Amino acid sequence: MFSKSFGYAIRSILYLALMEEEKDKIQLDEISEELNVPRYFLAKVMNKLVKEGILDSVKGHNGGFSINEKTLSVKLISIMSLTGESSQFSKCVLQLGKCNASYPCPIHDRVELLRREWQALFKSLTIGDLLKKNENNFMKSLIAI
C-alpha cells in the first residue's frame, strides 16, 4: 500500500530505537543487513531522515546512525510526507485519471471515509507509540520481510 521508502524509513527508525540500549551508533551496513534492505536505497532514505533532524549521524569508522530527542515524537504523517506518501491520500485507488468529488469513481465515497481515517491515524501516531507495544516478536516483524 505504501512505498518501499516509507517502509524502509519506519523500519530503520524502529530498529535504531530498539537497539539504542545495546549500541550508541549503528552503521548503515548493519541496518541494511539486519533489515534485508538494499544499502544504496537505504542510504538515501537515512540521509533524508538525518536532514530533517529525525535521526542523527556521525561519519567515520566509529560513526553511524542514532535516534535523538526528536525521533520518538515524530508523527508518522511526517515520515509519509518525507518519503512522498502524501499523495496516497489523494490518488484514486482504482487509479482512474480523474477521480474526485466532482467526478467520483465507483468506490470514491467509501474510500474517502477510509482515507480520512487513515490520515487521522497517521497524524496522531508517533514513532514512540509504535514502540509502546511490548511484543516479543516485534524485532522479528521488522526483519522478516
Protein backbone atom coordinates (compact mmCIF):
# COMPACT_ATOMS: atom_id res chain seq x y z
CA MET A 1 0.00 0.00 0.00
CA PHE A 2 2.84 2.40 0.81
CA SER A 3 6.21 2.76 -0.88
CA LYS A 4 9.36 0.90 0.00
CA SER A 5 10.92 4.22 1.04
CA PHE A 6 8.27 4.67 3.72
CA GLY A 7 8.68 1.09 4.92
CA TYR A 8 12.46 1.35 5.00
CA ALA A 9 12.27 4.65 6.90
CA ILE A 10 9.90 3.31 9.55
CA ARG A 11 11.72 0.01 9.93
CA SER A 12 15.16 1.63 10.21
CA ILE A 13 13.97 4.18 12.80
CA LEU A 14 12.34 1.45 14.86
CA TYR A 15 15.45 -0.73 14.58
CA LEU A 16 17.66 2.11 15.82
CA ALA A 17 15.28 2.81 18.69
CA LEU A 18 15.14 -0.84 19.72
CA MET A 19 18.94 -1.19 19.55
CA GLU A 20 19.64 2.08 21.39
CA GLU A 21 20.47 0.41 24.70
CA GLU A 22 22.90 -2.04 23.07
CA LYS A 23 24.71 0.35 20.74
CA ASP A 24 25.22 4.10 20.69
CA LYS A 25 25.53 4.32 16.91
CA ILE A 26 24.70 1.78 14.23
CA GLN A 27 26.34 1.77 10.85
CA LEU A 28 24.40 1.69 7.60
CA ASP A 29 25.78 -1.72 6.63
CA GLU A 30 24.42 -3.30 9.80
CA ILE A 31 20.98 -1.73 9.36
CA SER A 32 20.88 -2.79 5.73
CA GLU A 33 21.93 -6.32 6.53
CA GLU A 34 19.68 -6.79 9.57
CA LEU A 35 16.60 -5.41 7.83
CA ASN A 36 17.41 -7.06 4.50
CA VAL A 37 17.22 -3.73 2.69
CA PRO A 38 19.35 -2.59 -0.27
CA ARG A 39 22.18 -0.48 1.16
CA TYR A 40 22.19 2.18 -1.56
CA PHE A 41 18.44 2.76 -1.32
CA LEU A 42 18.54 2.77 2.47
CA ALA A 43 21.35 5.35 2.44
CA LYS A 44 19.12 7.79 0.54
CA VAL A 45 16.26 7.28 2.98
CA MET A 46 18.51 7.62 6.02
CA ASN A 47 20.09 10.80 4.69
CA LYS A 48 16.61 12.35 4.32
CA LEU A 49 15.81 11.40 7.91
CA VAL A 50 19.05 12.98 9.14
CA LYS A 51 18.50 16.12 7.06
CA GLU A 52 15.05 16.55 8.64
CA GLY A 53 16.50 16.09 12.14
CA ILE A 54 14.62 12.84 12.77
CA LEU A 55 17.87 10.90 13.19
CA ASP A 56 21.47 11.81 13.96
CA SER A 57 24.52 10.56 12.14
CA VAL A 58 28.26 10.66 12.64
CA LYS A 59 30.67 9.87 9.82
CA GLY A 60 33.72 7.73 10.16
CA HIS A 61 34.83 4.33 11.38
CA ASN A 62 33.11 4.65 14.77
CA GLY A 63 30.19 6.58 13.34
CA GLY A 64 26.72 5.57 12.38
CA PHE A 65 23.10 6.48 12.89
CA SER A 66 21.22 7.03 16.12
CA ILE A 67 17.93 8.36 17.35
CA ASN A 68 17.74 11.76 19.04
CA GLU A 69 15.39 13.65 21.35
CA LYS A 70 13.02 14.36 18.43
CA THR A 71 12.81 10.84 17.00
CA LEU A 72 10.18 9.28 19.24
CA SER A 73 7.82 12.24 18.95
CA VAL A 74 7.83 12.32 15.14
CA LYS A 75 4.37 11.72 13.70
CA LEU A 76 4.05 9.02 11.06
CA ILE A 77 2.47 11.58 8.71
CA SER A 78 5.83 13.42 8.73
CA ILE A 79 7.63 10.27 7.60
CA MET A 80 4.97 9.81 4.93
CA SER A 81 5.49 13.34 3.68
CA LEU A 82 9.26 12.93 3.68
CA THR A 83 9.07 9.76 1.59
CA GLY A 84 6.47 11.09 -0.83
CA GLU A 85 3.49 9.22 0.57
CA SER A 86 1.25 12.26 1.00
CA SER A 87 -0.22 11.68 -2.45
CA GLN A 88 -1.62 8.35 -1.21
CA PHE A 89 -4.45 10.32 0.35
CA SER A 90 -5.48 11.94 -2.92
CA LYS A 91 -4.92 9.25 -5.55
CA CYS A 92 -7.78 7.20 -6.89
CA VAL A 93 -7.50 3.67 -5.51
CA LEU A 94 -8.66 2.33 -8.87
CA GLN A 95 -6.02 4.55 -10.48
CA LEU A 96 -8.52 6.30 -12.71
CA GLY A 97 -7.27 9.51 -14.26
CA LYS A 98 -9.81 11.95 -12.88
CA CYS A 99 -11.37 10.82 -9.63
CA ASN A 100 -12.58 13.42 -7.17
CA ALA A 101 -15.79 14.60 -5.52
CA SER A 102 -16.98 16.10 -8.83
CA TYR A 103 -16.03 13.06 -10.90
CA PRO A 104 -16.05 10.11 -8.48
CA CYS A 105 -15.04 6.58 -9.35
CA PRO A 106 -17.49 3.82 -8.36
CA ILE A 107 -15.97 3.44 -4.87
CA HIS A 108 -14.81 7.02 -4.27
CA ASP A 109 -17.21 7.84 -1.42
CA ARG A 110 -16.43 4.67 0.55
CA VAL A 111 -12.71 5.10 0.05
CA GLU A 112 -12.87 8.75 1.13
CA LEU A 113 -14.14 7.68 4.55
CA LEU A 114 -11.33 5.17 4.93
CA ARG A 115 -8.80 7.67 3.63
CA ARG A 116 -9.80 10.22 6.28
CA GLU A 117 -9.48 7.55 8.99
CA TRP A 118 -6.02 6.53 7.74
CA GLN A 119 -4.91 10.13 7.57
CA ALA A 120 -6.17 10.82 11.11
CA LEU A 121 -4.36 7.71 12.35
CA PHE A 122 -1.04 8.71 10.75
CA LYS A 123 -1.42 12.28 12.04
CA SER A 124 -1.89 11.03 15.59
CA LEU A 125 0.61 8.15 15.83
CA THR A 126 4.25 8.79 16.67
CA ILE A 127 7.31 6.57 16.40
CA GLY A 128 7.18 6.30 20.19
CA ASP A 129 3.61 5.00 20.01
CA LEU A 130 4.77 2.14 17.80
CA LEU A 131 7.35 1.19 20.40
CA LYS A 132 4.94 1.15 23.34
CA LYS A 133 3.50 -2.20 22.40
CA ASN A 134 5.88 -4.61 24.08
CA GLU A 135 5.61 -7.72 21.94
CA ASN A 136 8.24 -10.42 21.92
CA ASN A 137 8.19 -10.78 18.14
CA PHE A 138 8.38 -7.08 17.31
CA MET A 139 12.04 -7.22 16.22
CA LYS A 140 11.27 -10.22 14.05
CA SER A 141 8.49 -8.31 12.33
CA LEU A 142 10.99 -5.59 11.35
CA ILE A 143 13.40 -8.09 9.89
CA ALA A 144 11.12 -10.70 8.34
CA ILE A 145 10.24 -9.01 5.08
